[in-house]
Amino acid sequence: MGRKVRVNLYLDEDVVKLAKEIGLNISKYCENALKIAIKKLKELNIKEELIYQDNLSKSSELNNCSGSSWCGARDLNPGNRLGRPAS
């Protein structure tokens, strides 16, 4: 692990008192809690990114009208569409 740095935390006085009474190492406990929180947030971010990418690919599949092929989507061109008989 990296080198330790000094930080200031503002905690409820009663909480600190109780933690010391039961022998908790506040610094180590806070460090471990932060590691767990960071891991969970990273996992959540990865899941959200995967969901976003999945939705993006589904969206692009629905709107995959490229080139000169007719995909059935309505356009603003008043002329005949490719693949459709003239009226």
PDB file of N, CA and C in Angstrom:
ATOM      1  N   MET A   1       0.846  -1.179   0.000  1.00  0.00           N
ATOM      2  CA  MET A   1       0.000   0.000   0.000  1.00  0.00           C
ATOM      3  C   MET A   1       0.883   1.230   0.000  1.00  0.00           C
ATOM      4  N   GLY A   2       0.297   2.364  -0.354  1.00  0.00           N
ATOM      5  CA  GLY A   2       1.037   3.618  -0.421  1.00  0.00           C
ATOM      6  C   GLY A   2       1.368   4.164   0.954  1.00  0.00           C
ATOM      7  N   ARG A   3       2.084   5.244   0.928  1.00  0.00           N
ATOM      8  CA  ARG A   3       2.484   5.853   2.194  1.00  0.00           C
ATOM      9  C   ARG A   3       1.285   6.534   2.825  1.00  0.00           C
ATOM     10  N   LYS A   4       1.297   6.604   4.126  1.00  0.00           N
ATOM     11  CA  LYS A   4       0.173   7.180   4.870  1.00  0.00           C
ATOM     12  C   LYS A   4       0.286   8.706   4.881  1.00  0.00           C
ATOM     13  N   VAL A   5      -0.853   9.374   4.826  1.00  0.00           N
ATOM     14  CA  VAL A   5      -0.901  10.835   4.914  1.00  0.00           C
ATOM     15  C   VAL A   5      -1.838  11.216   6.053  1.00  0.00           C
ATOM     16  N   ARG A   6      -1.581  12.362   6.612  1.00  0.00           N
ATOM     17  CA  ARG A   6      -2.396  12.843   7.720  1.00  0.00           C
ATOM     18  C   ARG A   6      -3.620  13.578   7.169  1.00  0.00           C
ATOM     19  N   VAL A   7      -4.792  13.254   7.720  1.00  0.00           N
ATOM     20  CA  VAL A   7      -6.031  13.944   7.364  1.00  0.00           C
ATOM     21  C   VAL A   7      -6.770  14.302   8.644  1.00  0.00           C
ATOM     22  N   ASN A   8      -7.644  15.245   8.534  1.00  0.00           N
ATOM     23  CA  ASN A   8      -8.485  15.618   9.668  1.00  0.00           C
ATOM     24  C   ASN A   8      -9.906  15.141   9.415  1.00  0.00           C
ATOM     25  N   LEU A   9     -10.477  14.484  10.416  1.00  0.00           N
ATOM     26  CA  LEU A   9     -11.869  14.053  10.353  1.00  0.00           C
ATOM     27  C   LEU A   9     -12.617  14.738  11.484  1.00  0.00           C
ATOM     28  N   TYR A  10     -13.818  15.144  11.218  1.00  0.00           N
ATOM     29  CA  TYR A  10     -14.661  15.716  12.249  1.00  0.00           C
ATOM     30  C   TYR A  10     -15.751  14.702  12.553  1.00  0.00           C
ATOM     31  N   LEU A  11     -15.646  14.089  13.725  1.00  0.00           N
ATOM     32  CA  LEU A  11     -16.577  13.040  14.124  1.00  0.00           C
ATOM     33  C   LEU A  11     -17.278  13.446  15.410  1.00  0.00           C
ATOM     34  N   ASP A  12     -18.443  12.873  15.600  1.00  0.00           N
ATOM     35  CA  ASP A  12     -19.196  13.119  16.820  1.00  0.00           C
ATOM     36  C   ASP A  12     -18.364  12.682  18.033  1.00  0.00           C
ATOM     37  N   GLU A  13     -18.286  13.536  19.014  1.00  0.00           N
ATOM     38  CA  GLU A  13     -17.465  13.294  20.199  1.00  0.00           C
ATOM     39  C   GLU A  13     -17.849  11.986  20.902  1.00  0.00           C
ATOM     40  N   ASP A  14     -19.138  11.717  21.024  1.00  0.00           N
ATOM     41  CA  ASP A  14     -19.591  10.495  21.692  1.00  0.00           C
ATOM     42  C   ASP A  14     -19.189   9.245  20.912  1.00  0.00           C
ATOM     43  N   VAL A  15     -19.225   9.334  19.587  1.00  0.00           N
ATOM     44  CA  VAL A  15     -18.835   8.198  18.753  1.00  0.00           C
ATOM     45  C   VAL A  15     -17.359   7.889  18.952  1.00  0.00           C
ATOM     46  N   VAL A  16     -16.533   8.917  18.978  1.00  0.00           N
ATOM     47  CA  VAL A  16     -15.090   8.731  19.178  1.00  0.00           C
ATOM     48  C   VAL A  16     -14.834   8.127  20.561  1.00  0.00           C
ATOM     49  N   LYS A  17     -15.534   8.614  21.543  1.00  0.00           N
ATOM     50  CA  LYS A  17     -15.370   8.118  22.913  1.00  0.00           C
ATOM     51  C   LYS A  17     -15.714   6.633  22.990  1.00  0.00           C
ATOM     52  N   LEU A  18     -16.844   6.253  22.408  1.00  0.00           N
ATOM     53  CA  LEU A  18     -17.246   4.846  22.412  1.00  0.00           C
ATOM     54  C   LEU A  18     -16.270   3.968  21.626  1.00  0.00           C
ATOM     55  N   ALA A  19     -15.796   4.452  20.499  1.00  0.00           N
ATOM     56  CA  ALA A  19     -14.840   3.696  19.692  1.00  0.00           C
ATOM     57  C   ALA A  19     -13.561   3.434  20.484  1.00  0.00           C
ATOM     58  N   LYS A  20     -13.079   4.435  21.200  1.00  0.00           N
ATOM     59  CA  LYS A  20     -11.876   4.269  22.014  1.00  0.00           C
ATOM     60  C   LYS A  20     -12.125   3.310  23.175  1.00  0.00           C
ATOM     61  N   GLU A  21     -13.311   3.388  23.782  1.00  0.00           N
ATOM     62  CA  GLU A  21     -13.647   2.510  24.908  1.00  0.00           C
ATOM     63  C   GLU A  21     -13.625   1.045  24.506  1.00  0.00           C
ATOM     64  N   ILE A  22     -14.071   0.738  23.296  1.00  0.00           N
ATOM     65  CA  ILE A  22     -14.083  -0.671  22.870  1.00  0.00           C
ATOM     66  C   ILE A  22     -12.816  -1.060  22.115  1.00  0.00           C
ATOM     67  N   GLY A  23     -11.890  -0.116  21.986  1.00  0.00           N
ATOM     68  CA  GLY A  23     -10.583  -0.433  21.419  1.00  0.00           C
ATOM     69  C   GLY A  23     -10.492  -0.407  19.908  1.00  0.00           C
ATOM     70  N   LEU A  24     -11.379   0.310  19.261  1.00  0.00           N
ATOM     71  CA  LEU A  24     -11.295   0.415  17.795  1.00  0.00           C
ATOM     72  C   LEU A  24     -10.162   1.357  17.387  1.00  0.00           C
ATOM     73  N   ASN A  25      -9.430   0.957  16.355  1.00  0.00           N
ATOM     74  CA  ASN A  25      -8.440   1.836  15.742  1.00  0.00           C
ATOM     75  C   ASN A  25      -9.209   2.664  14.707  1.00  0.00           C
ATOM     76  N   ILE A  26      -9.504   3.912  15.062  1.00  0.00           N
ATOM     77  CA  ILE A  26     -10.364   4.760  14.222  1.00  0.00           C
ATOM     78  C   ILE A  26      -9.760   4.960  12.840  1.00  0.00           C
ATOM     79  N   SER A  27      -8.462   5.181  12.773  1.00  0.00           N
ATOM     80  CA  SER A  27      -7.816   5.397  11.474  1.00  0.00           C
ATOM     81  C   SER A  27      -7.962   4.178  10.578  1.00  0.00           C
ATOM     82  N   LYS A  28      -7.668   3.003  11.126  1.00  0.00           N
ATOM     83  CA  LYS A  28      -7.745   1.782  10.324  1.00  0.00           C
ATOM     84  C   LYS A  28      -9.185   1.478   9.937  1.00  0.00           C
ATOM     85  N   TYR A  29     -10.103   1.701  10.871  1.00  0.00           N
ATOM     86  CA  TYR A  29     -11.512   1.448  10.593  1.00  0.00           C
ATOM     87  C   TYR A  29     -12.010   2.366   9.466  1.00  0.00           C
ATOM     88  N   CYS A  30     -11.671   3.636   9.527  1.00  0.00           N
ATOM     89  CA  CYS A  30     -12.080   4.586   8.481  1.00  0.00           C
ATOM     90  C   CYS A  30     -11.448   4.225   7.140  1.00  0.00           C
ATOM     91  N   GLU A  31     -10.169   3.837   7.166  1.00  0.00           N
ATOM     92  CA  GLU A  31      -9.479   3.450   5.932  1.00  0.00           C
ATOM     93  C   GLU A  31     -10.161   2.244   5.285  1.00  0.00           C
ATOM     94  N   ASN A  32     -10.480   1.232   6.089  1.00  0.00           N
ATOM     95  CA  ASN A  32     -11.150   0.039   5.553  1.00  0.00           C
ATOM     96  C   ASN A  32     -12.549   0.365   5.036  1.00  0.00           C
ATOM     97  N   ALA A  33     -13.277   1.217   5.759  1.00  0.00           N
ATOM     98  CA  ALA A  33     -14.614   1.614   5.304  1.00  0.00           C
ATOM     99  C   ALA A  33     -14.528   2.358   3.968  1.00  0.00           C
ATOM    100  N   LEU A  34     -13.524   3.203   3.814  1.00  0.00           N
ATOM    101  CA  LEU A  34     -13.343   3.922   2.545  1.00  0.00           C
ATOM    102  C   LEU A  34     -12.995   2.961   1.411  1.00  0.00           C
ATOM    103  N   LYS A  35     -12.164   1.973   1.691  1.00  0.00           N
ATOM    104  CA  LYS A  35     -11.817   0.981   0.661  1.00  0.00           C
ATOM    105  C   LYS A  35     -13.065   0.235   0.183  1.00  0.00           C
ATOM    106  N   ILE A  36     -13.914  -0.159   1.127  1.00  0.00           N
ATOM    107  CA  ILE A  36     -15.153  -0.864   0.778  1.00  0.00           C
ATOM    108  C   ILE A  36     -16.068   0.042  -0.046  1.00  0.00           C
ATOM    109  N   ALA A  37     -16.215   1.296   0.382  1.00  0.00           N
ATOM    110  CA  ALA A  37     -17.077   2.241  -0.337  1.00  0.00           C
ATOM    111  C   ALA A  37     -16.567   2.486  -1.746  1.00  0.00           C
ATOM    112  N   ILE A  38     -15.255   2.648  -1.902  1.00  0.00           N
ATOM    113  CA  ILE A  38     -14.658   2.879  -3.224  1.00  0.00           C
ATOM    114  C   ILE A  38     -14.887   1.678  -4.126  1.00  0.00           C
ATOM    115  N   LYS A  39     -14.685   0.473  -3.576  1.00  0.00           N
ATOM    116  CA  LYS A  39     -14.895  -0.748  -4.375  1.00  0.00           C
ATOM    117  C   LYS A  39     -16.335  -0.841  -4.854  1.00  0.00           C
ATOM    118  N   LYS A  40     -17.294  -0.587  -3.950  1.00  0.00           N
ATOM    119  CA  LYS A  40     -18.712  -0.669  -4.323  1.00  0.00           C
ATOM    120  C   LYS A  40     -19.072   0.388  -5.361  1.00  0.00           C
ATOM    121  N   LEU A  41     -18.541   1.597  -5.201  1.00  0.00           N
ATOM    122  CA  LEU A  41     -18.829   2.654  -6.173  1.00  0.00           C
ATOM    123  C   LEU A  41     -18.253   2.326  -7.541  1.00  0.00           C
ATOM    124  N   LYS A  42     -17.049   1.737  -7.561  1.00  0.00           N
ATOM    125  CA  LYS A  42     -16.461   1.341  -8.844  1.00  0.00           C
ATOM    126  C   LYS A  42     -17.298   0.259  -9.505  1.00  0.00           C
ATOM    127  N   GLU A  43     -17.748  -0.727  -8.713  1.00  0.00           N
ATOM    128  CA  GLU A  43     -18.593  -1.788  -9.264  1.00  0.00           C
ATOM    129  C   GLU A  43     -19.896  -1.213  -9.809  1.00  0.00           C
ATOM    130  N   LEU A  44     -20.491  -0.291  -9.077  1.00  0.00           N
ATOM    131  CA  LEU A  44     -21.727   0.348  -9.517  1.00  0.00           C
ATOM    132  C   LEU A  44     -21.493   1.122 -10.806  1.00  0.00           C
ATOM    133  N   ASN A  45     -20.382   1.845 -10.876  1.00  0.00           N
ATOM    134  CA  ASN A  45     -20.055   2.614 -12.073  1.00  0.00           C
ATOM    135  C   ASN A  45     -19.861   1.685 -13.270  1.00  0.00           C
ATOM    136  N   ILE A  46     -19.212   0.543 -13.050  1.00  0.00           N
ATOM    137  CA  ILE A  46     -19.007  -0.416 -14.138  1.00  0.00           C
ATOM    138  C   ILE A  46     -20.356  -0.969 -14.598  1.00  0.00           C
ATOM    139  N   LYS A  47     -21.240  -1.306 -13.644  1.00  0.00           N
ATOM    140  CA  LYS A  47     -22.562  -1.819 -14.003  1.00  0.00           C
ATOM    141  C   LYS A  47     -23.357  -0.781 -14.778  1.00  0.00           C
ATOM    142  N   GLU A  48     -23.308   0.478 -14.316  1.00  0.00           N
ATOM    143  CA  GLU A  48     -24.026   1.538 -15.024  1.00  0.00           C
ATOM    144  C   GLU A  48     -23.462   1.735 -16.416  1.00  0.00           C
ATOM    145  N   GLU A  49     -22.136   1.624 -16.566  1.00  0.00           N
ATOM    146  CA  GLU A  49     -21.512   1.783 -17.879  1.00  0.00           C
ATOM    147  C   GLU A  49     -21.942   0.654 -18.808  1.00  0.00           C
ATOM    148  N   LEU A  50     -22.004  -0.580 -18.277  1.00  0.00           N
ATOM    149  CA  LEU A  50     -22.441  -1.711 -19.095  1.00  0.00           C
ATOM    150  C   LEU A  50     -23.891  -1.548 -19.531  1.00  0.00           C
ATOM    151  N   ILE A  51     -24.749  -1.101 -18.620  1.00  0.00           N
ATOM    152  CA  ILE A  51     -26.159  -0.874 -18.960  1.00  0.00           C
ATOM    153  C   ILE A  51     -26.256   0.216 -20.023  1.00  0.00           C
ATOM    154  N   TYR A  52     -25.482   1.288 -19.878  1.00  0.00           N
ATOM    155  CA  TYR A  52     -25.492   2.378 -20.852  1.00  0.00           C
ATOM    156  C   TYR A  52     -25.055   1.868 -22.224  1.00  0.00           C
ATOM    157  N   GLN A  53     -23.965   1.091 -22.247  1.00  0.00           N
ATOM    158  CA  GLN A  53     -23.463   0.575 -23.522  1.00  0.00           C
ATOM    159  C   GLN A  53     -24.483  -0.367 -24.167  1.00  0.00           C
ATOM    160  N   ASP A  54     -25.156  -1.195 -23.345  1.00  0.00           N
ATOM    161  CA  ASP A  54     -26.165  -2.106 -23.860  1.00  0.00           C
ATOM    162  C   ASP A  54     -27.325  -1.324 -24.473  1.00  0.00           C
ATOM    163  N   ASN A  55     -27.796  -0.305 -23.754  1.00  0.00           N
ATOM    164  CA  ASN A  55     -28.891   0.529 -24.273  1.00  0.00           C
ATOM    165  C   ASN A  55     -28.470   1.267 -25.532  1.00  0.00           C
ATOM    166  N   LEU A  56     -27.232   1.720 -25.572  1.00  0.00           N
ATOM    167  CA  LEU A  56     -26.719   2.431 -26.738  1.00  0.00           C
ATOM    168  C   LEU A  56     -26.676   1.505 -27.949  1.00  0.00           C
ATOM    169  N   SER A  57     -26.214   0.258 -27.741  1.00  0.00           N
ATOM    170  CA  SER A  57     -26.143  -0.666 -28.878  1.00  0.00           C
ATOM    171  C   SER A  57     -27.546  -1.049 -29.360  1.00  0.00           C
ATOM    172  N   LYS A  58     -28.497  -1.215 -28.432  1.00  0.00           N
ATOM    173  CA  LYS A  58     -29.875  -1.520 -28.839  1.00  0.00           C
ATOM    174  C   LYS A  58     -30.461  -0.354 -29.620  1.00  0.00           C
ATOM    175  N   SER A  59     -30.173   0.852 -29.170  1.00  0.00           N
ATOM    176  CA  SER A  59     -30.674   2.040 -29.854  1.00  0.00           C
ATOM    177  C   SER A  59     -30.095   2.139 -31.254  1.00  0.00           C
ATOM    178  N   SER A  60     -28.798   1.871 -31.397  1.00  0.00           N
ATOM    179  CA  SER A  60     -28.188   1.980 -32.722  1.00  0.00           C
ATOM    180  C   SER A  60     -28.675   0.868 -33.646  1.00  0.00           C
ATOM    181  N   GLU A  61     -29.020  -0.307 -33.072  1.00  0.00           N
ATOM    182  CA  GLU A  61     -29.568  -1.379 -33.893  1.00  0.00           C
ATOM    183  C   GLU A  61     -30.929  -0.980 -34.452  1.00  0.00           C
ATOM    184  N   LEU A  62     -31.730  -0.291 -33.640  1.00  0.00           N
ATOM    185  CA  LEU A  62     -33.051   0.145 -34.091  1.00  0.00           C
ATOM    186  C   LEU A  62     -32.952   1.231 -35.147  1.00  0.00           C
ATOM    187  N   ASN A  63     -31.932   2.041 -35.073  1.00  0.00           N
ATOM    188  CA  ASN A  63     -31.771   3.165 -36.005  1.00  0.00           C
ATOM    189  C   ASN A  63     -30.686   2.895 -37.030  1.00  0.00           C
ATOM    190  N   ASN A  64     -30.471   1.635 -37.378  1.00  0.00           N
ATOM    191  CA  ASN A  64     -29.387   1.288 -38.287  1.00  0.00           C
ATOM    192  C   ASN A  64     -29.838   1.443 -39.736  1.00  0.00           C
ATOM    193  N   CYS A  65     -30.064   2.656 -40.170  1.00  0.00           N
ATOM    194  CA  CYS A  65     -30.454   2.959 -41.549  1.00  0.00           C
ATOM    195  C   CYS A  65     -29.270   3.637 -42.214  1.00  0.00           C
ATOM    196  N   SER A  66     -28.359   2.858 -42.702  1.00  0.00           N
ATOM    197  CA  SER A  66     -27.170   3.456 -43.300  1.00  0.00           C
ATOM    198  C   SER A  66     -27.117   3.119 -44.783  1.00  0.00           C
ATOM    199  N   GLY A  67     -26.361   3.902 -45.499  1.00  0.00           N
ATOM    200  CA  GLY A  67     -26.171   3.649 -46.919  1.00  0.00           C
ATOM    201  C   GLY A  67     -27.425   3.915 -47.716  1.00  0.00           C
ATOM    202  N   SER A  68     -27.568   3.185 -48.829  1.00  0.00           N
ATOM    203  CA  SER A  68     -28.699   3.443 -49.716  1.00  0.00           C
ATOM    204  C   SER A  68     -29.835   2.449 -49.523  1.00  0.00           C
ATOM    205  N   SER A  69     -29.752   1.582 -48.533  1.00  0.00           N
ATOM    206  CA  SER A  69     -30.821   0.607 -48.348  1.00  0.00           C
ATOM    207  C   SER A  69     -31.983   1.237 -47.601  1.00  0.00           C
ATOM    208  N   TRP A  70     -33.193   0.784 -47.927  1.00  0.00           N
ATOM    209  CA  TRP A  70     -34.386   1.306 -47.278  1.00  0.00           C
ATOM    210  C   TRP A  70     -34.610   0.541 -45.991  1.00  0.00           C
ATOM    211  N   CYS A  71     -34.795   1.232 -44.890  1.00  0.00           N
ATOM    212  CA  CYS A  71     -34.956   0.558 -43.603  1.00  0.00           C
ATOM    213  C   CYS A  71     -36.368   0.683 -43.069  1.00  0.00           C
ATOM    214  N   GLY A  72     -37.267   1.299 -43.795  1.00  0.00           N
ATOM    215  CA  GLY A  72     -38.638   1.393 -43.364  1.00  0.00           C
ATOM    216  C   GLY A  72     -38.948   2.613 -42.524  1.00  0.00           C
ATOM    217  N   ALA A  73     -37.947   3.393 -42.225  1.00  0.00           N
ATOM    218  CA  ALA A  73     -38.183   4.584 -41.411  1.00  0.00           C
ATOM    219  C   ALA A  73     -38.696   5.723 -42.276  1.00  0.00           C
ATOM    220  N   ARG A  74     -39.521   6.552 -41.708  1.00  0.00           N
ATOM    221  CA  ARG A  74     -40.073   7.692 -42.427  1.00  0.00           C
ATOM    222  C   ARG A  74     -38.988   8.757 -42.593  1.00  0.00           C
ATOM    223  N   ASP A  75     -38.956   9.368 -43.764  1.00  0.00           N
ATOM    224  CA  ASP A  75     -38.022  10.473 -43.967  1.00  0.00           C
ATOM    225  C   ASP A  75     -38.777  11.679 -44.516  1.00  0.00           C
ATOM    226  N   LEU A  76     -38.069  12.748 -44.733  1.00  0.00           N
ATOM    227  CA  LEU A  76     -38.695  13.986 -45.199  1.00  0.00           C
ATOM    228  C   LEU A  76     -38.610  14.159 -46.709  1.00  0.00           C
ATOM    229  N   ASN A  77     -38.094  13.156 -47.396  1.00  0.00           N
ATOM    230  CA  ASN A  77     -37.951  13.221 -48.839  1.00  0.00           C
ATOM    231  C   ASN A  77     -39.305  12.968 -49.490  1.00  0.00           C
ATOM    232  N   PRO A  78     -39.825  13.908 -50.305  1.00  0.00           N
ATOM    233  CA  PRO A  78     -41.136  13.715 -50.930  1.00  0.00           C
ATOM    234  C   PRO A  78     -41.104  12.724 -52.093  1.00  0.00           C
ATOM    235  N   GLY A  79     -39.901  12.355 -52.552  1.00  0.00           N
ATOM    236  CA  GLY A  79     -39.799  11.432 -53.681  1.00  0.00           C
ATOM    237  C   GLY A  79     -40.023   9.991 -53.272  1.00  0.00           C
ATOM    238  N   ASN A  80     -39.929   9.084 -54.273  1.00  0.00           N
ATOM    239  CA  ASN A  80     -40.098   7.662 -54.000  1.00  0.00           C
ATOM    240  C   ASN A  80     -38.949   7.160 -53.136  1.00  0.00           C
ATOM    241  N   ARG A  81     -39.292   6.313 -52.185  1.00  0.00           N
ATOM    242  CA  ARG A  81     -38.259   5.702 -51.350  1.00  0.00           C
ATOM    243  C   ARG A  81     -37.752   4.445 -52.027  1.00  0.00           C
ATOM    244  N   LEU A  82     -36.511   4.135 -51.755  1.00  0.00           N
ATOM    245  CA  LEU A  82     -35.943   2.914 -52.320  1.00  0.00           C
ATOM    246  C   LEU A  82     -36.731   1.715 -51.818  1.00  0.00           C
ATOM    247  N   GLY A  83     -36.995   0.780 -52.677  1.00  0.00           N
ATOM    248  CA  GLY A  83     -37.687  -0.433 -52.269  1.00  0.00           C
ATOM    249  C   GLY A  83     -39.190  -0.296 -52.215  1.00  0.00           C
ATOM    250  N   ARG A  84     -39.718   0.880 -52.529  1.00  0.00           N
ATOM    251  CA  ARG A  84     -41.169   1.101 -52.500  1.00  0.00           C
ATOM    252  C   ARG A  84     -41.647   1.381 -53.917  1.00  0.00           C
ATOM    253  N   PRO A  85     -42.754   0.812 -54.271  1.00  0.00           N
ATOM    254  CA  PRO A  85     -43.276   1.090 -55.609  1.00  0.00           C
ATOM    255  C   PRO A  85     -43.790   2.534 -55.712  1.00  0.00           C
ATOM    256  N   ALA A  86     -43.689   3.076 -56.914  1.00  0.00           N
ATOM    257  CA  ALA A  86     -44.178   4.445 -57.144  1.00  0.00           C
ATOM    258  C   ALA A  86     -45.701   4.442 -57.066  1.00  0.00           C
ATOM    259  N   SER A  87     -46.270   5.488 -56.515  1.00  0.00           N
ATOM    260  CA  SER A  87     -47.747   5.578 -56.362  1.00  0.00           C
ATOM    261  C   SER A  87     -48.391   5.989 -57.644  1.00  0.00           C
TER     262      SER A  87
END
